[in-house]
C-alpha atoms as a PDB file:
ATOM      1  CA  MET A   1      -0.003  -0.036   0.131  1.00  0.00           C
ATOM      2  CA  ASP A   2       1.193   3.755  -0.952  1.00  0.00           C
ATOM      3  CA  GLN A   3       1.773   5.840   2.246  1.00  0.00           C
ATOM      4  CA  VAL A   4      -0.187   8.697   2.321  1.00  0.00           C
ATOM      5  CA  PRO A   5       2.519  11.637   4.026  1.00  0.00           C
ATOM      6  CA  GLN A   6       0.964  13.930   6.923  1.00  0.00           C
ATOM      7  CA  ASN A   7       0.000  17.531   4.865  1.00  0.00           C
ATOM      8  CA  ILE A   8       4.159  18.228   5.917  1.00  0.00           C
ATOM      9  CA  ILE A   9       5.082  20.031   2.716  1.00  0.00           C
ATOM     10  CA  ASN A  10       0.901  22.134   2.925  1.00  0.00           C
ATOM     11  CA  ASP A  11       3.298  26.068   2.511  1.00  0.00           C
ATOM     12  CA  GLN A  12      -0.164  27.457   3.569  1.00  0.00           C
ATOM     13  CA  GLY A  13      -0.973  29.004   7.157  1.00  0.00           C
ATOM     14  CA  ASN A  14      -0.977  32.307   8.031  1.00  0.00           C
ATOM     15  CA  ASN A  15      -2.024  31.262  11.653  1.00  0.00           C
ATOM     16  CA  THR A  16      -0.424  28.363  14.059  1.00  0.00           C
ATOM     17  CA  ILE A  17      -0.888  26.700  17.113  1.00  0.00           C
ATOM     18  CA  PHE A  18       2.062  24.396  18.872  1.00  0.00           C
ATOM     19  CA  MET A  19       1.099  21.875  21.568  1.00  0.00           C
ATOM     20  CA  VAL A  20       3.020  19.622  23.213  1.00  0.00           C
ATOM     21  CA  TRP A  21       1.166  17.175  25.081  1.00  0.00           C
ATOM     22  CA  ASN A  22       3.006  14.480  28.186  1.00  0.00           C
ATOM     23  CA  PHE A  23       1.189  11.238  29.081  1.00  0.00           C
ATOM     24  CA  LYS A  24      -0.153  10.835  32.446  1.00  0.00           C
ATOM     25  CA  ASN A  25       2.105   8.088  34.719  1.00  0.00           C
ATOM     26  CA  ASP A  26      -0.079   4.969  35.391  1.00  0.00           C
ATOM     27  CA  MET A  27      -2.426   4.883  33.310  1.00  0.00           C
ATOM     28  CA  ASP A  28      -3.101   3.083  29.655  1.00  0.00           C
ATOM     29  CA  VAL A  29      -3.305   6.193  26.708  1.00  0.00           C
ATOM     30  CA  THR A  30      -3.428   3.299  24.063  1.00  0.00           C
ATOM     31  CA  ASP A  31      -7.081   3.402  23.232  1.00  0.00           C
ATOM     32  CA  ALA A  32      -6.994   7.415  23.659  1.00  0.00           C
ATOM     33  CA  PHE A  33      -3.824   7.543  21.852  1.00  0.00           C
ATOM     34  CA  ALA A  34      -6.259   6.029  18.829  1.00  0.00           C
ATOM     35  CA  ARG A  35      -8.752   8.066  19.325  1.00  0.00           C
ATOM     36  CA  VAL A  36      -6.660  10.999  18.468  1.00  0.00           C
ATOM     37  CA  CYS A  37      -5.702   9.119  16.058  1.00  0.00           C
ATOM     38  CA  LYS A  38      -8.949   8.735  14.078  1.00  0.00           C
ATOM     39  CA  LEU A  39      -9.244  12.145  15.747  1.00  0.00           C
ATOM     40  CA  VAL A  40      -6.986  14.198  12.878  1.00  0.00           C
ATOM     41  CA  ILE A  41      -7.360  12.424  10.501  1.00  0.00           C
ATOM     42  CA  ASN A  42     -11.570  13.736  10.200  1.00  0.00           C
ATOM     43  CA  LEU A  43     -10.226  16.999  11.321  1.00  0.00           C
ATOM     44  CA  ASN A  44      -7.985  17.072   8.160  1.00  0.00           C
ATOM     45  CA  HIS A  45     -10.160  15.422   5.961  1.00  0.00           C
ATOM     46  CA  SER A  46     -13.442  17.557   6.990  1.00  0.00           C
ATOM     47  CA  ASN A  47     -11.043  20.772   6.369  1.00  0.00           C
ATOM     48  CA  ASP A  48      -9.801  19.605   3.273  1.00  0.00           C
ATOM     49  CA  THR A  49     -13.911  20.298   2.446  1.00  0.00           C
ATOM     50  CA  ARG A  50     -14.462  22.967   4.196  1.00  0.00           C
ATOM     51  CA  PHE A  51     -11.783  25.344   3.464  1.00  0.00           C
ATOM     52  CA  PRO A  52      -9.913  23.878   0.615  1.00  0.00           C
ATOM     53  CA  ASP A  53      -8.009  27.108   0.056  1.00  0.00           C
ATOM     54  CA  GLY A  54      -7.423  27.267   3.491  1.00  0.00           C
ATOM     55  CA  GLY A  55      -3.786  26.535   4.213  1.00  0.00           C
ATOM     56  CA  VAL A  56      -5.157  23.886   6.955  1.00  0.00           C
ATOM     57  CA  CYS A  57      -3.828  21.237   8.447  1.00  0.00           C
ATOM     58  CA  CYS A  58      -3.624  19.123  11.828  1.00  0.00           C
ATOM     59  CA  ILE A  59       0.103  17.492  11.818  1.00  0.00           C
ATOM     60  CA  MET A  60       1.101  15.113  14.997  1.00  0.00           C
ATOM     61  CA  GLY A  61       4.534  13.842  15.566  1.00  0.00           C
ATOM     62  CA  ILE A  62       5.149  11.662  18.269  1.00  0.00           C
ATOM     63  CA  GLY A  63       8.340  11.318  20.679  1.00  0.00           C
ATOM     64  CA  TYR A  64      10.736   8.653  21.557  1.00  0.00           C
ATOM     65  CA  ASP A  65       9.545   7.863  25.197  1.00  0.00           C
ATOM     66  CA  ALA A  66       6.059   7.910  24.258  1.00  0.00           C
ATOM     67  CA  TRP A  67       6.587   5.267  20.559  1.00  0.00           C
ATOM     68  CA  HIS A  68       8.108   2.614  23.795  1.00  0.00           C
ATOM     69  CA  ARG A  69       4.700   3.340  26.282  1.00  0.00           C
ATOM     70  CA  LEU A  70       2.738   3.448  22.807  1.00  0.00           C
ATOM     71  CA  LYS A  71       4.006   0.386  21.980  1.00  0.00           C
ATOM     72  CA  LEU A  72       3.922   1.252  18.141  1.00  0.00           C
ATOM     73  CA  PRO A  73       6.129  -0.456  15.963  1.00  0.00           C
ATOM     74  CA  VAL A  74       9.825  -1.589  15.982  1.00  0.00           C
ATOM     75  CA  PRO A  75      12.359  -1.040  14.917  1.00  0.00           C
ATOM     76  CA  LEU A  76      11.064   2.716  15.575  1.00  0.00           C
ATOM     77  CA  PRO A  77      12.237   5.103  12.691  1.00  0.00           C
ATOM     78  CA  LYS A  78      16.459   4.899  12.160  1.00  0.00           C
ATOM     79  CA  GLU A  79      16.446   8.492  13.872  1.00  0.00           C
ATOM     80  CA  LEU A  80      13.968   8.666  15.977  1.00  0.00           C
ATOM     81  CA  GLU A  81      15.782   9.756  19.612  1.00  0.00           C
ATOM     82  CA  ASN A  82      15.239  11.429  22.737  1.00  0.00           C
ATOM     83  CA  PHE A  83      16.951  14.563  21.693  1.00  0.00           C
ATOM     84  CA  ALA A  84      20.200  15.323  23.316  1.00  0.00           C
ATOM     85  CA  PRO A  85      21.643  18.893  24.508  1.00  0.00           C
ATOM     86  CA  ILE A  86      24.023  19.834  22.365  1.00  0.00           C
ATOM     87  CA  ALA A  87      26.415  22.135  24.599  1.00  0.00           C
ATOM     88  CA  GLY A  88      29.080  25.269  22.973  1.00  0.00           C
ATOM     89  CA  GLN A  89      31.641  27.646  24.775  1.00  0.00           C
ATOM     90  CA  LYS A  90      28.421  30.075  25.114  1.00  0.00           C
ATOM     91  CA  HIS A  91      25.046  28.727  24.506  1.00  0.00           C
ATOM     92  CA  THR A  92      23.014  25.217  24.568  1.00  0.00           C
ATOM     93  CA  ALA A  93      20.772  23.588  22.187  1.00  0.00           C
ATOM     94  CA  VAL A  94      18.645  23.083  25.399  1.00  0.00           C
ATOM     95  CA  SER A  95      16.616  19.316  25.631  1.00  0.00           C
ATOM     96  CA  THR A  96      13.112  18.832  27.182  1.00  0.00           C
ATOM     97  CA  LYS A  97      10.414  16.382  27.130  1.00  0.00           C
ATOM     98  CA  GLY A  98       7.058  16.033  24.819  1.00  0.00           C
ATOM     99  CA  ASP A  99       5.041  12.844  23.679  1.00  0.00           C
ATOM    100  CA  LEU A 100       3.170  14.192  21.241  1.00  0.00           C
ATOM    101  CA  HIS A 101       3.310  17.737  19.346  1.00  0.00           C
ATOM    102  CA  PHE A 102       0.584  19.252  17.444  1.00  0.00           C
ATOM    103  CA  HIS A 103       1.349  22.131  14.449  1.00  0.00           C
ATOM    104  CA  ILE A 104      -2.637  23.317  13.541  1.00  0.00           C
ATOM    105  CA  LYS A 105      -2.360  26.031  11.023  1.00  0.00           C
ATOM    106  CA  GLY A 106      -4.795  27.804   8.935  1.00  0.00           C
ATOM    107  CA  ASN A 107      -5.312  31.012   6.950  1.00  0.00           C
ATOM    108  CA  ASP A 108      -8.216  31.959   9.396  1.00  0.00           C
ATOM    109  CA  ILE A 109      -7.435  31.451  13.148  1.00  0.00           C
ATOM    110  CA  SER A 110     -11.163  30.806  14.239  1.00  0.00           C
ATOM    111  CA  ILE A 111     -10.816  26.626  13.067  1.00  0.00           C
ATOM    112  CA  CYS A 112      -7.116  27.165  14.364  1.00  0.00           C
ATOM    113  CA  TYR A 113      -8.824  27.633  17.801  1.00  0.00           C
ATOM    114  CA  ASP A 114     -11.848  24.554  17.325  1.00  0.00           C
ATOM    115  CA  MET A 115      -8.933  22.395  16.057  1.00  0.00           C
ATOM    116  CA  THR A 116      -7.091  23.207  19.525  1.00  0.00           C
ATOM    117  CA  ALA A 117     -10.035  22.535  21.328  1.00  0.00           C
ATOM    118  CA  ALA A 118     -11.454  19.309  19.904  1.00  0.00           C
ATOM    119  CA  LEU A 119      -7.418  17.967  20.465  1.00  0.00           C
ATOM    120  CA  SER A 120      -7.492  19.022  24.075  1.00  0.00           C
ATOM    121  CA  SER A 121     -11.573  17.816  25.136  1.00  0.00           C
ATOM    122  CA  TYR A 122      -9.664  14.167  23.837  1.00  0.00           C
ATOM    123  CA  LEU A 123      -6.142  14.594  24.989  1.00  0.00           C
ATOM    124  CA  GLU A 124      -7.182  16.211  29.174  1.00  0.00           C
ATOM    125  CA  PRO A 125      -8.265  12.891  30.658  1.00  0.00           C
ATOM    126  CA  VAL A 126      -4.719  11.252  29.999  1.00  0.00           C
ATOM    127  CA  ALA A 127      -2.484  13.774  29.091  1.00  0.00           C
ATOM    128  CA  SER A 128      -1.072  16.965  30.004  1.00  0.00           C
ATOM    129  CA  CYS A 129      -0.461  20.596  27.984  1.00  0.00           C
ATOM    130  CA  VAL A 130       3.155  21.454  28.422  1.00  0.00           C
ATOM    131  CA  GLU A 131       3.586  24.123  25.857  1.00  0.00           C
ATOM    132  CA  GLU A 132       1.223  26.159  24.002  1.00  0.00           C
ATOM    133  CA  VAL A 133       2.108  28.293  21.278  1.00  0.00           C
ATOM    134  CA  HIS A 134       0.098  30.972  19.375  1.00  0.00           C
ATOM    135  CA  GLY A 135       1.782  31.908  15.907  1.00  0.00           C
ATOM    136  CA  PHE A 136       0.829  34.472  13.276  1.00  0.00           C
ATOM    137  CA  ARG A 137       2.305  35.606   9.875  1.00  0.00           C
ATOM    138  CA  TYR A 138       4.450  38.440  11.281  1.00  0.00           C
ATOM    139  CA  TRP A 139       4.229  41.103   7.492  1.00  0.00           C
ATOM    140  CA  ASP A 140       5.948  39.029   4.671  1.00  0.00           C
ATOM    141  CA  GLY A 141       6.988  36.234   6.230  1.00  0.00           C
ATOM    142  CA  ARG A 142       9.630  37.939   8.738  1.00  0.00           C
ATOM    143  CA  SER A 143      10.819  37.156  12.345  1.00  0.00           C
ATOM    144  CA  ILE A 144      10.114  39.545  14.918  1.00  0.00           C
ATOM    145  CA  LEU A 145      13.567  40.613  15.377  1.00  0.00           C
ATOM    146  CA  GLY A 146      12.145  42.685  11.144  1.00  0.00           C
ATOM    147  CA  PHE A 147      14.286  39.326   9.151  1.00  0.00           C
ATOM    148  CA  VAL A 148      12.537  37.585   6.556  1.00  0.00           C
ATOM    149  CA  ASP A 149      12.381  34.018   8.822  1.00  0.00           C
ATOM    150  CA  GLY A 150      12.787  30.625   6.211  1.00  0.00           C
ATOM    151  CA  THR A 151      14.155  32.207   2.551  1.00  0.00           C
ATOM    152  CA  GLU A 152      16.267  29.304   1.564  1.00  0.00           C
ATOM    153  CA  ASN A 153      13.214  26.497   2.266  1.00  0.00           C
ATOM    154  CA  PRO A 154      12.924  24.589  -0.712  1.00  0.00           C
ATOM    155  CA  ARG A 155      10.047  25.010  -3.169  1.00  0.00           C
ATOM    156  CA  GLY A 156       7.636  23.265  -4.695  1.00  0.00           C
ATOM    157  CA  GLU A 157       5.726  20.390  -4.034  1.00  0.00           C
ATOM    158  CA  LYS A 158       9.507  18.059  -5.801  1.00  0.00           C
ATOM    159  CA  GLN A 159      11.920  19.644  -3.865  1.00  0.00           C
ATOM    160  CA  ARG A 160      10.051  19.311  -0.488  1.00  0.00           C
ATOM    161  CA  SER A 161       8.650  16.116  -0.282  1.00  0.00           C
ATOM    162  CA  TYR A 162      12.592  14.978  -1.344  1.00  0.00           C
ATOM    163  CA  PHE A 163      13.812  17.069   1.427  1.00  0.00           C
ATOM    164  CA  GLY A 164      10.764  16.866   3.941  1.00  0.00           C
ATOM    165  CA  LEU A 165      10.318  13.428   3.823  1.00  0.00           C
ATOM    166  CA  VAL A 166      11.889   9.443   4.655  1.00  0.00           C
ATOM    167  CA  GLY A 167      12.935   8.277   1.027  1.00  0.00           C
ATOM    168  CA  ASP A 168      13.858   4.305   0.701  1.00  0.00           C
ATOM    169  CA  ASN A 169      17.000   4.176   2.874  1.00  0.00           C
ATOM    170  CA  ASP A 170      14.108   3.272   5.448  1.00  0.00           C
ATOM    171  CA  ALA A 171      11.472   1.930   3.745  1.00  0.00           C
ATOM    172  CA  ALA A 172       9.315   1.081   6.827  1.00  0.00           C
ATOM    173  CA  TYR A 173       9.089   4.761   7.917  1.00  0.00           C
ATOM    174  CA  THR A 174       8.760   5.694   4.221  1.00  0.00           C
ATOM    175  CA  GLY A 175       6.897   9.372   3.874  1.00  0.00           C
ATOM    176  CA  GLY A 176       7.242  10.446   7.201  1.00  0.00           C
ATOM    177  CA  SER A 177       9.695  12.784   8.394  1.00  0.00           C
ATOM    178  CA  TYR A 178      11.473  13.866  11.528  1.00  0.00           C
ATOM    179  CA  LEU A 179      10.366  17.321  12.909  1.00  0.00           C
ATOM    180  CA  PHE A 180      12.468  18.940  15.386  1.00  0.00           C
ATOM    181  CA  VAL A 181      11.344  21.909  17.619  1.00  0.00           C
ATOM    182  CA  GLN A 182      12.539  25.168  19.594  1.00  0.00           C
ATOM    183  CA  LYS A 183      10.929  27.772  20.702  1.00  0.00           C
ATOM    184  CA  TYR A 184      12.959  30.932  20.955  1.00  0.00           C
ATOM    185  CA  MET A 185      12.713  33.882  23.753  1.00  0.00           C
ATOM    186  CA  HIS A 186      14.731  37.243  21.735  1.00  0.00           C
ATOM    187  CA  ASP A 187      16.312  40.117  23.655  1.00  0.00           C
ATOM    188  CA  LEU A 188      14.705  42.602  21.382  1.00  0.00           C
ATOM    189  CA  THR A 189      15.964  45.451  23.308  1.00  0.00           C
ATOM    190  CA  ALA A 190      19.134  44.139  23.108  1.00  0.00           C
ATOM    191  CA  PHE A 191      18.886  43.647  19.477  1.00  0.00           C
ATOM    192  CA  LYS A 192      17.133  46.731  18.490  1.00  0.00           C
ATOM    193  CA  ALA A 193      20.007  48.535  20.270  1.00  0.00           C
ATOM    194  CA  LEU A 194      22.270  47.934  17.366  1.00  0.00           C
ATOM    195  CA  PRO A 195      22.794  49.758  14.329  1.00  0.00           C
ATOM    196  CA  GLN A 196      20.997  48.579  11.386  1.00  0.00           C
ATOM    197  CA  GLU A 197      24.184  47.239  10.311  1.00  0.00           C
ATOM    198  CA  GLU A 198      24.925  44.785  12.758  1.00  0.00           C
ATOM    199  CA  GLN A 199      22.386  43.974  13.210  1.00  0.00           C
ATOM    200  CA  GLU A 200      22.460  42.558   9.184  1.00  0.00           C
ATOM    201  CA  LYS A 201      26.001  41.106  10.290  1.00  0.00           C
ATOM    202  CA  VAL A 202      24.216  39.315  12.913  1.00  0.00           C
ATOM    203  CA  PHE A 203      22.211  37.574  10.139  1.00  0.00           C
ATOM    204  CA  GLY A 204      24.176  37.539   7.491  1.00  0.00           C
ATOM    205  CA  ARG A 205      21.170  38.932   5.022  1.00  0.00           C
ATOM    206  CA  TYR A 206      20.165  43.172   4.059  1.00  0.00           C
ATOM    207  CA  LYS A 207      17.154  42.970   6.532  1.00  0.00           C
ATOM    208  CA  TYR A 208      14.959  44.917   3.714  1.00  0.00           C
ATOM    209  CA  SER A 209      15.588  43.285   0.890  1.00  0.00           C
ATOM    210  CA  ASP A 210      16.820  40.230   2.199  1.00  0.00           C
ATOM    211  CA  ILE A 211      19.274  39.962  -0.364  1.00  0.00           C
ATOM    212  CA  GLU A 212      21.632  37.875   1.237  1.00  0.00           C
ATOM    213  CA  MET A 213      25.239  39.444   1.703  1.00  0.00           C
ATOM    214  CA  PRO A 214      28.146  38.792  -0.586  1.00  0.00           C
ATOM    215  CA  ASP A 215      30.717  35.872   1.005  1.00  0.00           C
ATOM    216  CA  ASP A 216      33.377  38.272   1.474  1.00  0.00           C
ATOM    217  CA  VAL A 217      31.829  39.991   3.331  1.00  0.00           C
ATOM    218  CA  LYS A 218      29.248  38.816   5.736  1.00  0.00           C
ATOM    219  CA  PRO A 219      30.549  38.037   8.982  1.00  0.00           C
ATOM    220  CA  ALA A 220      31.494  34.079   9.894  1.00  0.00           C
ATOM    221  CA  ASN A 221      29.874  34.200  12.665  1.00  0.00           C
ATOM    222  CA  ALA A 222      26.175  34.975  11.173  1.00  0.00           C
ATOM    223  CA  HIS A 223      22.775  32.921  11.272  1.00  0.00           C
ATOM    224  CA  SER A 224      22.423  32.606   7.541  1.00  0.00           C
ATOM    225  CA  ALA A 225      26.707  31.463   7.326  1.00  0.00           C
ATOM    226  CA  LEU A 226      26.467  29.107  10.101  1.00  0.00           C
ATOM    227  CA  ALA A 227      22.617  27.753   9.540  1.00  0.00           C
ATOM    228  CA  ASN A 228      22.835  26.569   6.416  1.00  0.00           C
ATOM    229  CA  VAL A 229      24.590  23.275   6.173  1.00  0.00           C
ATOM    230  CA  GLY A 230      24.942  22.626   2.246  1.00  0.00           C
ATOM    231  CA  ASP A 231      22.093  22.837  -0.835  1.00  0.00           C
ATOM    232  CA  ASP A 232      21.931  18.674  -0.594  1.00  0.00           C
ATOM    233  CA  PHE A 233      21.059  19.154   3.171  1.00  0.00           C
ATOM    234  CA  LYS A 234      17.624  21.480   3.571  1.00  0.00           C
ATOM    235  CA  ILE A 235      14.875  21.409   5.814  1.00  0.00           C
ATOM    236  CA  ILE A 236      11.524  22.426   5.642  1.00  0.00           C
ATOM    237  CA  ARG A 237      10.862  25.890   8.157  1.00  0.00           C
ATOM    238  CA  ASP A 238       7.424  26.232   9.419  1.00  0.00           C
ATOM    239  CA  ASN A 239       8.404  29.410  11.782  1.00  0.00           C
ATOM    240  CA  MET A 240       5.965  30.994  13.091  1.00  0.00           C
ATOM    241  CA  PRO A 241       6.865  34.519  15.262  1.00  0.00           C
ATOM    242  CA  PHE A 242       4.427  34.563  18.094  1.00  0.00           C
ATOM    243  CA  GLY A 243       4.305  36.837  21.661  1.00  0.00           C
ATOM    244  CA  ASN A 244       2.896  39.493  24.898  1.00  0.00           C
ATOM    245  CA  MET A 245       4.343  42.774  23.915  1.00  0.00           C
ATOM    246  CA  ALA A 246       3.242  44.196  27.219  1.00  0.00           C
ATOM    247  CA  THR A 247       5.517  41.510  29.023  1.00  0.00           C
ATOM    248  CA  ASN A 248       8.480  42.040  26.620  1.00  0.00           C
ATOM    249  CA  GLU A 249       7.817  38.130  25.596  1.00  0.00           C
ATOM    250  CA  MET A 250       8.415  37.935  22.071  1.00  0.00           C
ATOM    251  CA  GLY A 251      10.056  35.137  19.997  1.00  0.00           C
ATOM    252  CA  THR A 252      10.434  32.917  17.555  1.00  0.00           C
ATOM    253  CA  TYR A 253       9.043  29.171  17.304  1.00  0.00           C
ATOM    254  CA  PHE A 254      11.323  27.108  15.052  1.00  0.00           C
ATOM    255  CA  ILE A 255       9.555  23.960  13.678  1.00  0.00           C
ATOM    256  CA  ALA A 256      11.290  21.913  10.429  1.00  0.00           C
ATOM    257  CA  TYR A 257      10.761  19.054   9.164  1.00  0.00           C
ATOM    258  CA  ALA A 258      13.241  16.493   7.708  1.00  0.00           C
ATOM    259  CA  SER A 259      13.986  13.583   5.728  1.00  0.00           C
ATOM    260  CA  THR A 260      16.777  12.654   8.614  1.00  0.00           C
ATOM    261  CA  PHE A 261      17.548  14.117  11.408  1.00  0.00           C
ATOM    262  CA  SER A 262      21.319  14.197  11.094  1.00  0.00           C
ATOM    263  CA  THR A 263      20.401  17.127   8.911  1.00  0.00           C
ATOM    264  CA  VAL A 264      18.953  19.079  11.966  1.00  0.00           C
ATOM    265  CA  LYS A 265      21.572  18.547  13.919  1.00  0.00           C
ATOM    266  CA  LYS A 266      24.462  18.841  11.859  1.00  0.00           C
ATOM    267  CA  MET A 267      23.264  22.795  11.296  1.00  0.00           C
ATOM    268  CA  LEU A 268      23.088  22.490  15.470  1.00  0.00           C
ATOM    269  CA  THR A 269      26.318  21.563  15.641  1.00  0.00           C
ATOM    270  CA  ASN A 270      26.959  24.286  13.494  1.00  0.00           C
ATOM    271  CA  MET A 271      25.110  27.059  15.289  1.00  0.00           C
ATOM    272  CA  PHE A 272      25.509  25.990  18.815  1.00  0.00           C
ATOM    273  CA  VAL A 273      29.778  24.946  18.771  1.00  0.00           C
ATOM    274  CA  GLY A 274      29.819  27.036  15.636  1.00  0.00           C
ATOM    275  CA  SER A 275      32.309  26.234  12.844  1.00  0.00           C
ATOM    276  CA  PRO A 276      34.840  25.851  13.925  1.00  0.00           C
ATOM    277  CA  ALA A 277      34.769  24.952  17.580  1.00  0.00           C
ATOM    278  CA  GLY A 278      34.254  28.623  19.500  1.00  0.00           C
ATOM    279  CA  ASN A 279      32.366  30.497  15.944  1.00  0.00           C
ATOM    280  CA  TYR A 280      28.949  30.123  17.046  1.00  0.00           C
ATOM    281  CA  ASP A 281      26.376  31.757  15.568  1.00  0.00           C
ATOM    282  CA  ARG A 282      26.240  34.933  16.617  1.00  0.00           C
ATOM    283  CA  LEU A 283      22.206  35.228  16.380  1.00  0.00           C
ATOM    284  CA  LEU A 284      22.312  32.933  19.488  1.00  0.00           C
ATOM    285  CA  ASP A 285      23.498  36.541  21.961  1.00  0.00           C
ATOM    286  CA  PHE A 286      20.445  37.616  21.472  1.00  0.00           C
ATOM    287  CA  SER A 287      17.861  34.311  21.076  1.00  0.00           C
ATOM    288  CA  THR A 288      17.733  31.965  23.442  1.00  0.00           C
ATOM    289  CA  PRO A 289      15.867  28.909  22.918  1.00  0.00           C
ATOM    290  CA  VAL A 290      13.734  26.984  25.817  1.00  0.00           C
ATOM    291  CA  THR A 291      12.954  24.301  24.599  1.00  0.00           C
ATOM    292  CA  GLY A 292      13.843  21.637  22.040  1.00  0.00           C
ATOM    293  CA  THR A 293      11.625  18.348  21.272  1.00  0.00           C
ATOM    294  CA  LEU A 294      12.878  15.805  18.708  1.00  0.00           C
ATOM    295  CA  PHE A 295       9.677  14.497  17.193  1.00  0.00           C
ATOM    296  CA  PHE A 296       8.675  11.698  13.362  1.00  0.00           C
ATOM    297  CA  VAL A 297       5.396  12.034  12.549  1.00  0.00           C
ATOM    298  CA  PRO A 298       4.789   8.606  10.620  1.00  0.00           C
ATOM    299  CA  THR A 299       1.874   8.973   7.369  1.00  0.00           C
ATOM    300  CA  THR A 300      -1.631   9.606   6.934  1.00  0.00           C
ATOM    301  CA  THR A 301      -1.447   5.696   6.287  1.00  0.00           C
ATOM    302  CA  PHE A 302       0.080   5.052   9.676  1.00  0.00           C
ATOM    303  CA  LEU A 303      -2.375   6.649  12.029  1.00  0.00           C
ATOM    304  CA  ASN A 304      -5.526   4.318  10.018  1.00  0.00           C
ATOM    305  CA  ASN A 305      -3.834   1.354  11.055  1.00  0.00           C
ATOM    306  CA  VAL A 306      -3.753   2.965  14.735  1.00  0.00           C
ATOM    307  CA  THR A 307      -7.021   3.221  14.291  1.00  0.00           C
ATOM    308  CA  SER A 308      -8.084  -0.358  13.010  1.00  0.00           C
ATOM    309  CA  GLY A 309      -5.722  -1.925  14.958  1.00  0.00           C
ATOM    310  CA  ASP A 310      -3.094  -3.099  12.202  1.00  0.00           C
ATOM    311  CA  SER A 311       0.177  -0.880  13.256  1.00  0.00           C
END
């Protein structure tokens, strides 16, 4: 049977809600998980019919510990693991626990709220929500720091599928995807205190045109110099800004889908340890990760098998 991926390559949706849930201890969660799988399928089918041009979808990822607890198929996806912190001389990509991740998006925030409410009603008896982030599109796809986010994303269905979905090298999980997320909090005051020219050096791009600096101008520790690990190793970023202006809690929810987690790990190592070691990503001086979790996004076919007891 052909594997039908979850809607990872969808590049629409101006509003998002990200949720991370952890299962409660000493509870049988198998039946509840099967109901959630069915709900995710139903939400996507219904919204495809109701809002065909609304960029609506709900994507579910499963963490390493949850995979074992739910007694899902073994062997596991080859690179699914508990994310280990990556520590540089100054900054650390922290690791946090997550059993299930939901990426809910649509052009209208109303449908995002409704999907979140439906999922929460199924999960609350057996799990606790440890993260809920409401993201939004800021101007022409910029982060709150003022620079366009995701310029290097692969374009078109063929490229996004190639870089975002597992291929034949892990045949049991073809069409799935590795999902890595980090919640970054920004020091806006410090970043905005920099002259525009210095801000551009942090990113390695010109702020308003979004043109990348020439290599002989771009600093070696610029974000674009270290986060880009080569044209053969791309990921699908679906980052969104979020925040509370009154409390100055503004940030970016970094979310990456990839055919291999090793690609993401290489990028994180460049950023936090440095390339060479010590030449870390200068953006980290203004943006701090407070979460870091790896999930695997199985295919819709896999979720259907769970609901029917065939997993």
